[in-house]
Protein backbone atom coordinates (compact mmCIF):
# COMPACT_ATOMS: atom_id res chain seq x y z
CA UNK A 1 -0.30 -0.26 -0.13
CA UNK A 2 1.25 3.41 -0.71
CA UNK A 3 1.85 6.08 2.05
CA UNK A 4 3.67 8.74 3.22
CA UNK A 5 5.19 9.34 6.68
CA UNK A 6 6.37 12.54 7.52
CA UNK A 7 7.29 14.74 11.45
CA UNK A 8 7.98 12.77 14.30
CA UNK A 9 6.32 11.71 17.64
CA UNK A 10 3.08 9.73 18.40
CA UNK A 11 2.05 8.16 15.58
CA UNK A 12 -1.78 9.22 13.67
CA UNK A 13 -2.73 7.66 10.66
CA UNK A 14 -4.83 9.69 8.32
CA UNK A 15 -7.51 8.21 6.01
CA UNK A 16 -9.17 9.71 2.98
CA UNK A 17 -12.95 9.28 1.36
CA UNK A 18 -14.12 7.45 -1.51
CA UNK A 19 -12.55 8.42 -4.97
CA UNK A 20 -9.88 10.39 -3.10
CA UNK A 21 -6.01 10.13 -2.25
CA UNK A 22 -3.38 10.76 0.41
CA UNK A 23 -3.26 14.61 -0.77
CA UNK A 24 -7.00 14.96 0.69
CA UNK A 25 -5.84 15.33 4.33
CA UNK A 26 -2.30 16.65 3.40
CA UNK A 27 -3.56 20.24 5.05
CA UNK A 28 -4.01 18.58 8.46
CA UNK A 29 -1.10 16.39 8.14
CA UNK A 30 1.09 19.61 7.51
CA UNK A 31 -0.14 20.82 11.04
CA UNK A 32 0.21 17.96 12.86
CA UNK A 33 3.04 16.99 11.93
CA UNK A 34 4.98 19.61 13.90
CA UNK A 35 4.26 17.21 17.11
CA UNK A 36 3.29 13.94 15.05
CA UNK A 37 4.68 11.35 13.10
CA UNK A 38 1.82 11.76 10.45
CA UNK A 39 0.88 8.68 7.89
CA UNK A 40 -1.03 9.70 5.23
CA UNK A 41 -2.33 6.65 3.30
CA UNK A 42 -3.63 5.76 -0.29
CA UNK A 43 -6.24 3.75 0.58
CA UNK A 44 -6.35 0.46 -1.94
CA UNK A 45 -8.05 0.84 -5.27
CA UNK A 46 -7.10 4.61 -4.80
CA UNK A 47 -4.36 6.75 -5.75
CA UNK A 48 -0.77 4.45 -6.31
CA UNK A 49 -2.18 1.89 -3.93
CA UNK A 50 -2.80 -1.94 -5.01
CA UNK A 51 -5.92 -2.63 -7.14
CA UNK A 52 -8.47 -5.13 -5.49
CA UNK A 53 -10.82 -6.70 -7.48
CA UNK A 54 -13.29 -6.67 -3.88
CA UNK A 55 -12.95 -4.62 -0.94
CA UNK A 56 -14.70 -4.17 2.75
CA UNK A 57 -13.69 -2.99 5.77
CA UNK A 58 -12.78 -6.02 7.73
CA UNK A 59 -10.01 -6.58 5.24
CA UNK A 60 -9.25 -2.38 4.94
CA UNK A 61 -8.84 -2.10 8.25
CA UNK A 62 -5.95 -4.97 8.19
CA UNK A 63 -4.28 -3.26 5.10
CA UNK A 64 -4.11 -0.64 7.78
CA UNK A 65 -2.20 -2.21 10.38
CA UNK A 66 -0.14 -3.46 7.93
CA UNK A 67 0.93 0.03 7.61
CA UNK A 68 1.62 0.34 11.15
CA UNK A 69 3.39 -2.98 11.21
CA UNK A 70 5.73 -1.87 8.54
CA UNK A 71 6.54 1.38 9.80
CA UNK A 72 6.97 -0.61 13.58
CA UNK A 73 4.27 1.60 15.21
CA UNK A 74 2.67 -0.16 18.07
CA UNK A 75 0.08 2.85 18.59
CA UNK A 76 -1.77 5.16 16.58
CA UNK A 77 -4.34 8.14 17.13
CA UNK A 78 -6.52 7.75 13.44
CA UNK A 79 -8.56 10.10 11.39
CA UNK A 80 -10.60 9.05 8.78
CA UNK A 81 -12.78 11.19 6.57
CA UNK A 82 -16.35 9.42 4.82
CA UNK A 83 -15.26 6.09 3.70
CA UNK A 84 -11.91 6.92 5.83
CA UNK A 85 -13.75 7.36 8.82
CA UNK A 86 -15.67 3.76 8.44
CA UNK A 87 -12.12 2.46 7.80
CA UNK A 88 -10.92 4.13 10.86
CA UNK A 89 -13.99 2.91 12.86
CA UNK A 90 -13.09 -0.45 11.80
CA UNK A 91 -9.68 -0.63 12.80
CA UNK A 92 -11.12 0.80 16.37
CA UNK A 93 -13.23 -1.81 16.96
CA UNK A 94 -11.28 -4.58 15.47
CA UNK A 95 -8.01 -3.86 16.30
CA UNK A 96 -8.17 -1.57 19.43
CA UNK A 97 -5.42 -2.02 21.34
CA UNK A 98 -3.51 -0.28 17.80
CA UNK A 99 -5.96 2.66 18.18
CA UNK A 100 -5.21 5.58 20.79
CA UNK A 101 -7.97 7.42 19.73
CA UNK A 102 -10.23 8.01 17.11
CA UNK A 103 -11.09 11.42 14.82
CA UNK A 104 -14.09 10.71 12.71
CA UNK A 105 -15.15 13.43 9.97
CA UNK A 106 -18.53 13.05 8.51
CA UNK A 107 -19.80 9.56 8.95
CA UNK A 108 -21.46 7.29 11.10
CA UNK A 109 -21.20 3.50 11.76
CA UNK A 110 -24.64 2.29 9.64
CA UNK A 111 -25.10 1.13 6.37
CA UNK A 112 -26.32 3.87 3.69
CA UNK A 113 -28.37 4.33 0.80
CA UNK A 114 -26.74 4.08 -2.09
CA UNK A 115 -25.64 8.19 -3.46
CA UNK A 116 -23.21 7.47 -5.49
CA UNK A 117 -25.14 6.52 -9.00
CA UNK A 118 -24.65 9.64 -10.46
CA UNK A 119 -21.04 10.00 -10.30
CA UNK A 120 -20.57 6.25 -11.48
CA UNK A 121 -22.31 6.84 -14.22
CA UNK A 122 -20.73 9.64 -15.31
CA UNK A 123 -17.12 8.31 -14.35
CA UNK A 124 -17.83 5.31 -16.42
CA UNK A 125 -19.77 6.83 -19.77
CA UNK A 126 -16.62 8.57 -20.29
CA UNK A 127 -14.56 7.77 -22.72
CA UNK A 128 -11.19 7.84 -22.43
CA UNK A 129 -8.98 7.94 -26.13
CA UNK A 130 -6.38 9.57 -27.48
CA UNK A 131 -8.72 12.66 -27.98
CA UNK A 132 -9.98 13.30 -24.43
CA UNK A 133 -9.16 16.19 -22.80
CA UNK A 134 -9.56 17.43 -19.33
CA UNK A 135 -11.51 20.49 -20.20
CA UNK A 136 -13.74 17.59 -22.04
CA UNK A 137 -14.00 15.34 -19.01
CA UNK A 138 -15.04 18.37 -16.93
CA UNK A 139 -17.68 18.65 -19.19
CA UNK A 140 -18.69 15.23 -19.54
CA UNK A 141 -19.07 15.35 -15.90
CA UNK A 142 -20.92 18.29 -15.26
CA UNK A 143 -23.51 17.38 -18.22
CA UNK A 144 -23.75 14.08 -16.08
CA UNK A 145 -25.28 15.88 -12.94
CA UNK A 146 -22.26 15.89 -11.46
CA UNK A 147 -21.33 19.35 -9.61
CA UNK A 148 -18.37 21.25 -10.72
CA UNK A 149 -16.11 21.18 -7.58
CA UNK A 150 -17.17 17.63 -7.13
CA UNK A 151 -16.08 17.06 -11.11
CA UNK A 152 -13.03 18.41 -10.70
CA UNK A 153 -12.26 16.51 -6.94
CA UNK A 154 -12.84 13.33 -9.23
CA UNK A 155 -10.44 14.43 -12.06
CA UNK A 156 -7.88 14.50 -9.77
CA UNK A 157 -7.57 10.41 -10.45
CA UNK A 158 -7.75 11.44 -14.01
CA UNK A 159 -3.59 10.55 -15.13
CA UNK A 160 -2.63 10.98 -18.88
CA UNK A 161 -0.76 7.85 -20.50
CA UNK A 162 1.05 7.49 -23.71
CA UNK A 163 -2.38 7.13 -25.82
CA UNK A 164 -4.71 9.58 -23.63
CA UNK A 165 -5.64 9.31 -19.98
CA UNK A 166 -6.71 6.46 -17.62
CA UNK A 167 -8.25 6.37 -13.80
CA UNK A 168 -5.62 5.94 -11.05
CA UNK A 169 -8.63 4.66 -9.25
CA UNK A 170 -9.55 0.90 -9.69
CA UNK A 171 -13.46 2.22 -10.98
CA UNK A 172 -14.59 -1.62 -11.31
CA UNK A 173 -13.23 -2.18 -8.28
CA UNK A 174 -15.27 0.37 -6.62
CA UNK A 175 -18.09 -0.36 -7.76
CA UNK A 176 -17.98 -4.33 -7.42
CA UNK A 177 -17.86 -3.02 -3.83
CA UNK A 178 -20.05 -0.16 -3.63
CA UNK A 179 -22.80 -2.31 -1.64
CA UNK A 180 -19.93 -3.25 1.20
CA UNK A 181 -18.98 0.67 0.35
CA UNK A 182 -22.03 1.59 2.18
CA UNK A 183 -22.77 -0.40 4.13
CA UNK A 184 -21.15 -1.62 7.86
CA UNK A 185 -21.03 -5.03 8.04
CA UNK A 186 -18.05 -6.01 10.39
CA UNK A 187 -17.39 -9.65 12.33
CA UNK A 188 -18.49 -8.35 15.36
CA UNK A 189 -20.71 -9.39 18.05
CA UNK A 190 -23.78 -7.01 19.66
CA UNK A 191 -22.04 -5.81 22.49
CA UNK A 192 -18.47 -4.83 20.70
CA UNK A 193 -17.70 -1.17 21.18
CA UNK A 194 -14.61 0.70 21.19
CA UNK A 195 -13.97 2.35 24.97
CA UNK A 196 -11.12 4.78 24.32
CA UNK A 197 -12.17 8.12 23.22
CA UNK A 198 -13.68 8.70 19.92
CA UNK A 199 -14.68 12.19 18.15
CA UNK A 200 -17.04 12.71 15.35
CA UNK A 201 -17.07 16.18 13.54
CA UNK A 202 -19.80 16.72 10.72
CA UNK A 203 -20.53 19.41 8.65
CA UNK A 204 -23.55 21.43 9.41
CA UNK A 205 -24.89 21.28 6.36
CA UNK A 206 -24.16 17.56 5.65
CA UNK A 207 -27.01 14.94 5.50
CA UNK A 208 -24.62 12.37 6.63
CA UNK A 209 -24.55 12.32 10.14
CA UNK A 210 -27.55 13.06 12.01
CA UNK A 211 -29.58 12.56 15.35
CA UNK A 212 -30.73 9.24 14.01
CA UNK A 213 -27.00 7.94 14.47
CA UNK A 214 -26.58 9.20 17.52
CA UNK A 215 -27.62 5.84 19.33
CA UNK A 216 -25.46 3.39 16.92
CA UNK A 217 -22.70 5.80 17.78
CA UNK A 218 -22.83 6.14 21.45
CA UNK A 219 -23.75 1.79 21.49
CA UNK A 220 -20.39 1.21 19.40
CA UNK A 221 -18.18 4.22 20.62
CA UNK A 222 -19.37 4.95 24.37
CA UNK A 223 -17.12 7.55 24.81
CA UNK A 224 -17.57 9.69 21.67
CA UNK A 225 -18.32 13.06 21.52
CA UNK A 226 -19.52 15.55 18.90
CA UNK A 227 -18.89 18.55 16.99
CA UNK A 228 -20.45 20.53 14.31
CA UNK A 229 -18.99 22.42 11.64
CA UNK A 230 -21.89 25.18 10.73
CA UNK A 231 -21.61 26.54 7.34
CA UNK A 232 -20.26 22.82 5.62
CA UNK A 233 -21.27 20.11 3.97
CA UNK A 234 -19.22 16.45 3.36
CA UNK A 235 -16.27 18.00 2.41
CA UNK A 236 -16.19 19.93 6.05
CA UNK A 237 -11.96 19.69 6.54
CA UNK A 238 -11.55 21.59 2.82
CA UNK A 239 -14.21 24.29 3.82
CA UNK A 240 -13.02 25.06 6.86
CA UNK A 241 -9.83 24.08 7.24
CA UNK A 242 -8.33 25.82 9.85
CA UNK A 243 -11.14 25.09 12.58
CA UNK A 244 -11.04 21.28 11.56
CA UNK A 245 -7.60 21.25 11.61
CA UNK A 246 -7.63 22.86 15.28
CA UNK A 247 -10.50 20.68 16.14
CA UNK A 248 -8.48 17.55 15.16
CA UNK A 249 -5.35 18.70 16.83
CA UNK A 250 -6.04 19.54 20.09
CA UNK A 251 -8.88 16.30 20.47
CA UNK A 252 -5.25 14.41 20.10
CA UNK A 253 -3.06 16.61 22.02
CA UNK A 254 -5.79 15.90 25.11
CA UNK A 255 -5.83 12.29 24.41
CA UNK A 256 -2.03 11.74 24.26
CA UNK A 257 -1.37 8.12 25.00
């Protein structure tokens, strides 16, 4: 798995969301690396990491543990956004001895209904030929009903080849795994929980974490606290980076191992 490690101190693992890569949380990493060893990963099927035909959260949690093992890190604070937040929660529940504290950005430990059909349709219908241009690709995605900021974000996955362009991400693997990505199916007992500090940060204008999710969050993460970033949606870390970064840094400092 591809990752970047920087800084020194207690380790912090940063995990990006669906269609992203390790640069998504680079801004946060720059803040944290002043006092911590920061590891930013490309999740399998994203960035420069391995392509898997199928993936689920237990496998992804194990892959993150493998990274910690490779770096000889016994424990780490773990921060994840969206899908990365689910990977982080899976790590905490399945490997609690390896996680010091947990920060989850705008996602809950529940199954969601499908919400990326428009994105997948736009991506799969984009013809990647020698005549493709980034401008034409942007127009195609927007014509497919994807807003411009999301389209620009998705096109960060487009890389040039000798014959045109290709996706860095494993689009086929993500489509095959999508039910598991939006799901929440872990090999746990009903009373499994993570009894160390956890912080859930939600976007005030996002519908990913709602009052209906509170009971499940507290059942699985009984020491959880929550903060809402008003004026932000699902991309809260990019919309209000200074506030987001400060909240995360202060939480980690308060919960040093």
